[in-house]
Amino acid sequence: VKVREATSNDPWGPSSTLMSEIADLTYNVVAFTEIMQMIWKRLNDHGRNWRHVYKALVLLEYLIKTGSEKVNF
């Protein structure tokens, strides 16, 4: 749910607080799987959902830098 909020179609970017919460969740095995599945889904959106892709990339970069070392692509 937090990933959906962070990668919404709203015209503003994800908040640093929200991205930090998601980064902390990457250390939980179950949450990690759900987070990465949703990011992958968002990366595969297209058309008028281009913000999903852009925000998923922003979030992914943040998670690579600050989340679990399991976050990689």
N, C-alpha and C. Protein backbone atom coordinates (compact mmCIF):
# COMPACT_ATOMS: atom_id res chain seq x y z
N VAL A 1 0.83 -1.19 0.00
CA VAL A 1 0.00 0.00 0.00
C VAL A 1 0.88 1.26 0.00
N LYS A 2 1.95 1.26 0.75
CA LYS A 2 2.84 2.42 0.80
C LYS A 2 3.51 2.65 -0.55
N VAL A 3 3.84 1.57 -1.25
CA VAL A 3 4.48 1.71 -2.56
C VAL A 3 3.49 2.32 -3.54
N ARG A 4 2.25 1.90 -3.47
CA ARG A 4 1.20 2.47 -4.32
C ARG A 4 1.08 3.97 -4.08
N GLU A 5 1.10 4.36 -2.82
CA GLU A 5 1.01 5.78 -2.46
C GLU A 5 2.22 6.55 -2.98
N ALA A 6 3.41 5.96 -2.82
CA ALA A 6 4.65 6.63 -3.24
C ALA A 6 4.74 6.76 -4.75
N THR A 7 4.10 5.85 -5.48
CA THR A 7 4.20 5.86 -6.94
C THR A 7 2.86 6.22 -7.59
N SER A 8 2.07 7.01 -6.90
CA SER A 8 0.75 7.39 -7.41
C SER A 8 0.88 8.32 -8.63
N ASN A 9 -0.24 8.61 -9.23
CA ASN A 9 -0.27 9.49 -10.40
C ASN A 9 -0.36 10.96 -10.02
N ASP A 10 -0.27 11.26 -8.73
CA ASP A 10 -0.31 12.65 -8.28
C ASP A 10 0.87 13.42 -8.87
N PRO A 11 0.69 14.73 -9.11
CA PRO A 11 1.74 15.50 -9.78
C PRO A 11 2.95 15.86 -8.91
N TRP A 12 3.01 15.38 -7.68
CA TRP A 12 4.18 15.63 -6.83
C TRP A 12 4.87 14.31 -6.53
N GLY A 13 6.14 14.40 -6.16
CA GLY A 13 6.93 13.20 -5.90
C GLY A 13 6.64 12.58 -4.55
N PRO A 14 7.15 11.38 -4.33
CA PRO A 14 6.96 10.71 -3.04
C PRO A 14 7.71 11.46 -1.94
N SER A 15 7.13 11.51 -0.75
CA SER A 15 7.78 12.21 0.35
C SER A 15 8.97 11.40 0.86
N SER A 16 9.94 12.09 1.40
CA SER A 16 11.12 11.41 1.94
C SER A 16 10.73 10.55 3.13
N THR A 17 9.73 10.98 3.89
CA THR A 17 9.25 10.19 5.03
C THR A 17 8.68 8.86 4.56
N LEU A 18 7.86 8.90 3.53
CA LEU A 18 7.25 7.69 2.99
C LEU A 18 8.32 6.76 2.41
N MET A 19 9.26 7.32 1.66
CA MET A 19 10.33 6.49 1.09
C MET A 19 11.17 5.87 2.20
N SER A 20 11.40 6.60 3.28
CA SER A 20 12.17 6.07 4.41
C SER A 20 11.43 4.90 5.06
N GLU A 21 10.12 5.03 5.22
CA GLU A 21 9.31 3.94 5.78
C GLU A 21 9.40 2.70 4.90
N ILE A 22 9.32 2.89 3.60
CA ILE A 22 9.40 1.76 2.66
C ILE A 22 10.79 1.13 2.73
N ALA A 23 11.83 1.96 2.82
CA ALA A 23 13.20 1.45 2.92
C ALA A 23 13.35 0.58 4.17
N ASP A 24 12.78 1.00 5.28
CA ASP A 24 12.83 0.20 6.51
C ASP A 24 12.11 -1.14 6.32
N LEU A 25 11.02 -1.13 5.57
CA LEU A 25 10.25 -2.36 5.34
C LEU A 25 11.00 -3.36 4.47
N THR A 26 12.00 -2.92 3.72
CA THR A 26 12.74 -3.86 2.86
C THR A 26 13.54 -4.87 3.67
N TYR A 27 13.71 -4.64 4.96
CA TYR A 27 14.42 -5.60 5.81
C TYR A 27 13.51 -6.73 6.29
N ASN A 28 12.21 -6.61 6.05
CA ASN A 28 11.25 -7.65 6.37
C ASN A 28 11.04 -8.49 5.10
N VAL A 29 11.27 -9.80 5.20
CA VAL A 29 11.24 -10.67 4.02
C VAL A 29 9.90 -10.61 3.28
N VAL A 30 8.81 -10.69 4.00
CA VAL A 30 7.49 -10.67 3.37
C VAL A 30 7.22 -9.31 2.73
N ALA A 31 7.48 -8.25 3.47
CA ALA A 31 7.26 -6.90 2.94
C ALA A 31 8.17 -6.63 1.74
N PHE A 32 9.41 -7.11 1.81
CA PHE A 32 10.36 -6.91 0.72
C PHE A 32 9.80 -7.47 -0.59
N THR A 33 9.27 -8.67 -0.54
CA THR A 33 8.72 -9.31 -1.73
C THR A 33 7.56 -8.48 -2.29
N GLU A 34 6.67 -8.03 -1.43
CA GLU A 34 5.53 -7.23 -1.87
C GLU A 34 5.98 -5.89 -2.46
N ILE A 35 6.96 -5.28 -1.83
CA ILE A 35 7.48 -3.99 -2.31
C ILE A 35 8.07 -4.14 -3.70
N MET A 36 8.91 -5.14 -3.89
CA MET A 36 9.58 -5.32 -5.17
C MET A 36 8.58 -5.71 -6.27
N GLN A 37 7.57 -6.51 -5.93
CA GLN A 37 6.55 -6.87 -6.91
C GLN A 37 5.79 -5.63 -7.38
N MET A 38 5.45 -4.75 -6.43
CA MET A 38 4.70 -3.54 -6.80
C MET A 38 5.58 -2.59 -7.62
N ILE A 39 6.85 -2.47 -7.26
CA ILE A 39 7.76 -1.62 -8.04
C ILE A 39 7.85 -2.15 -9.46
N TRP A 40 8.00 -3.46 -9.61
CA TRP A 40 8.10 -4.07 -10.94
C TRP A 40 6.82 -3.80 -11.74
N LYS A 41 5.67 -3.93 -11.08
CA LYS A 41 4.40 -3.66 -11.75
C LYS A 41 4.35 -2.20 -12.22
N ARG A 42 4.75 -1.28 -11.35
CA ARG A 42 4.73 0.14 -11.70
C ARG A 42 5.71 0.45 -12.83
N LEU A 43 6.85 -0.21 -12.84
CA LEU A 43 7.83 0.02 -13.91
C LEU A 43 7.31 -0.42 -15.27
N ASN A 44 6.35 -1.32 -15.27
CA ASN A 44 5.79 -1.82 -16.52
C ASN A 44 4.53 -1.08 -16.96
N ASP A 45 4.13 -0.05 -16.23
CA ASP A 45 3.00 0.78 -16.67
C ASP A 45 3.43 1.61 -17.87
N HIS A 46 2.47 2.12 -18.61
CA HIS A 46 2.80 2.94 -19.78
C HIS A 46 1.66 3.91 -20.08
N GLY A 47 1.84 4.69 -21.10
CA GLY A 47 0.80 5.64 -21.51
C GLY A 47 0.64 6.76 -20.50
N ARG A 48 -0.59 7.05 -20.14
CA ARG A 48 -0.84 8.17 -19.24
C ARG A 48 -0.40 7.89 -17.81
N ASN A 49 0.03 6.68 -17.53
CA ASN A 49 0.54 6.33 -16.20
C ASN A 49 2.05 6.49 -16.11
N TRP A 50 2.61 7.39 -16.90
CA TRP A 50 4.06 7.56 -16.93
C TRP A 50 4.61 7.98 -15.56
N ARG A 51 3.78 8.64 -14.75
CA ARG A 51 4.25 9.03 -13.42
C ARG A 51 4.53 7.80 -12.55
N HIS A 52 3.78 6.72 -12.76
CA HIS A 52 4.04 5.49 -12.02
C HIS A 52 5.47 5.03 -12.28
N VAL A 53 5.87 5.04 -13.54
CA VAL A 53 7.21 4.60 -13.92
C VAL A 53 8.27 5.52 -13.33
N TYR A 54 8.08 6.82 -13.51
CA TYR A 54 9.05 7.79 -13.01
C TYR A 54 9.22 7.67 -11.49
N LYS A 55 8.11 7.63 -10.77
CA LYS A 55 8.18 7.57 -9.31
C LYS A 55 8.73 6.22 -8.84
N ALA A 56 8.45 5.15 -9.58
CA ALA A 56 9.02 3.84 -9.22
C ALA A 56 10.53 3.89 -9.35
N LEU A 57 11.04 4.58 -10.38
CA LEU A 57 12.49 4.72 -10.54
C LEU A 57 13.10 5.56 -9.42
N VAL A 58 12.41 6.64 -9.04
CA VAL A 58 12.88 7.48 -7.93
C VAL A 58 12.93 6.65 -6.64
N LEU A 59 11.87 5.90 -6.39
CA LEU A 59 11.80 5.06 -5.19
C LEU A 59 12.86 3.97 -5.22
N LEU A 60 13.03 3.33 -6.37
CA LEU A 60 14.02 2.27 -6.49
C LEU A 60 15.42 2.79 -6.22
N GLU A 61 15.75 3.95 -6.76
CA GLU A 61 17.06 4.54 -6.49
C GLU A 61 17.26 4.77 -5.00
N TYR A 62 16.24 5.28 -4.34
CA TYR A 62 16.30 5.53 -2.90
C TYR A 62 16.50 4.22 -2.14
N LEU A 63 15.76 3.18 -2.53
CA LEU A 63 15.86 1.89 -1.84
C LEU A 63 17.22 1.24 -2.05
N ILE A 64 17.79 1.40 -3.23
CA ILE A 64 19.13 0.85 -3.49
C ILE A 64 20.15 1.52 -2.58
N LYS A 65 19.98 2.82 -2.36
CA LYS A 65 20.93 3.57 -1.54
C LYS A 65 20.72 3.37 -0.04
N THR A 66 19.46 3.22 0.40
CA THR A 66 19.20 3.23 1.84
C THR A 66 18.48 2.00 2.38
N GLY A 67 17.96 1.15 1.51
CA GLY A 67 17.21 -0.02 1.96
C GLY A 67 18.11 -1.23 2.15
N SER A 68 17.49 -2.38 2.25
CA SER A 68 18.20 -3.64 2.40
C SER A 68 19.13 -3.87 1.21
N GLU A 69 20.23 -4.55 1.48
CA GLU A 69 21.17 -4.83 0.38
C GLU A 69 20.59 -5.82 -0.63
N LYS A 70 19.44 -6.42 -0.31
CA LYS A 70 18.77 -7.32 -1.25
C LYS A 70 18.11 -6.54 -2.39
N VAL A 71 17.93 -5.24 -2.21
CA VAL A 71 17.31 -4.41 -3.26
C VAL A 71 18.33 -4.22 -4.37
N ASN A 72 18.06 -4.81 -5.52
CA ASN A 72 18.92 -4.64 -6.69
C ASN A 72 18.14 -5.00 -7.93
N PHE A 73 18.60 -4.54 -9.04
CA PHE A 73 17.96 -4.87 -10.32
C PHE A 73 19.01 -5.18 -11.33
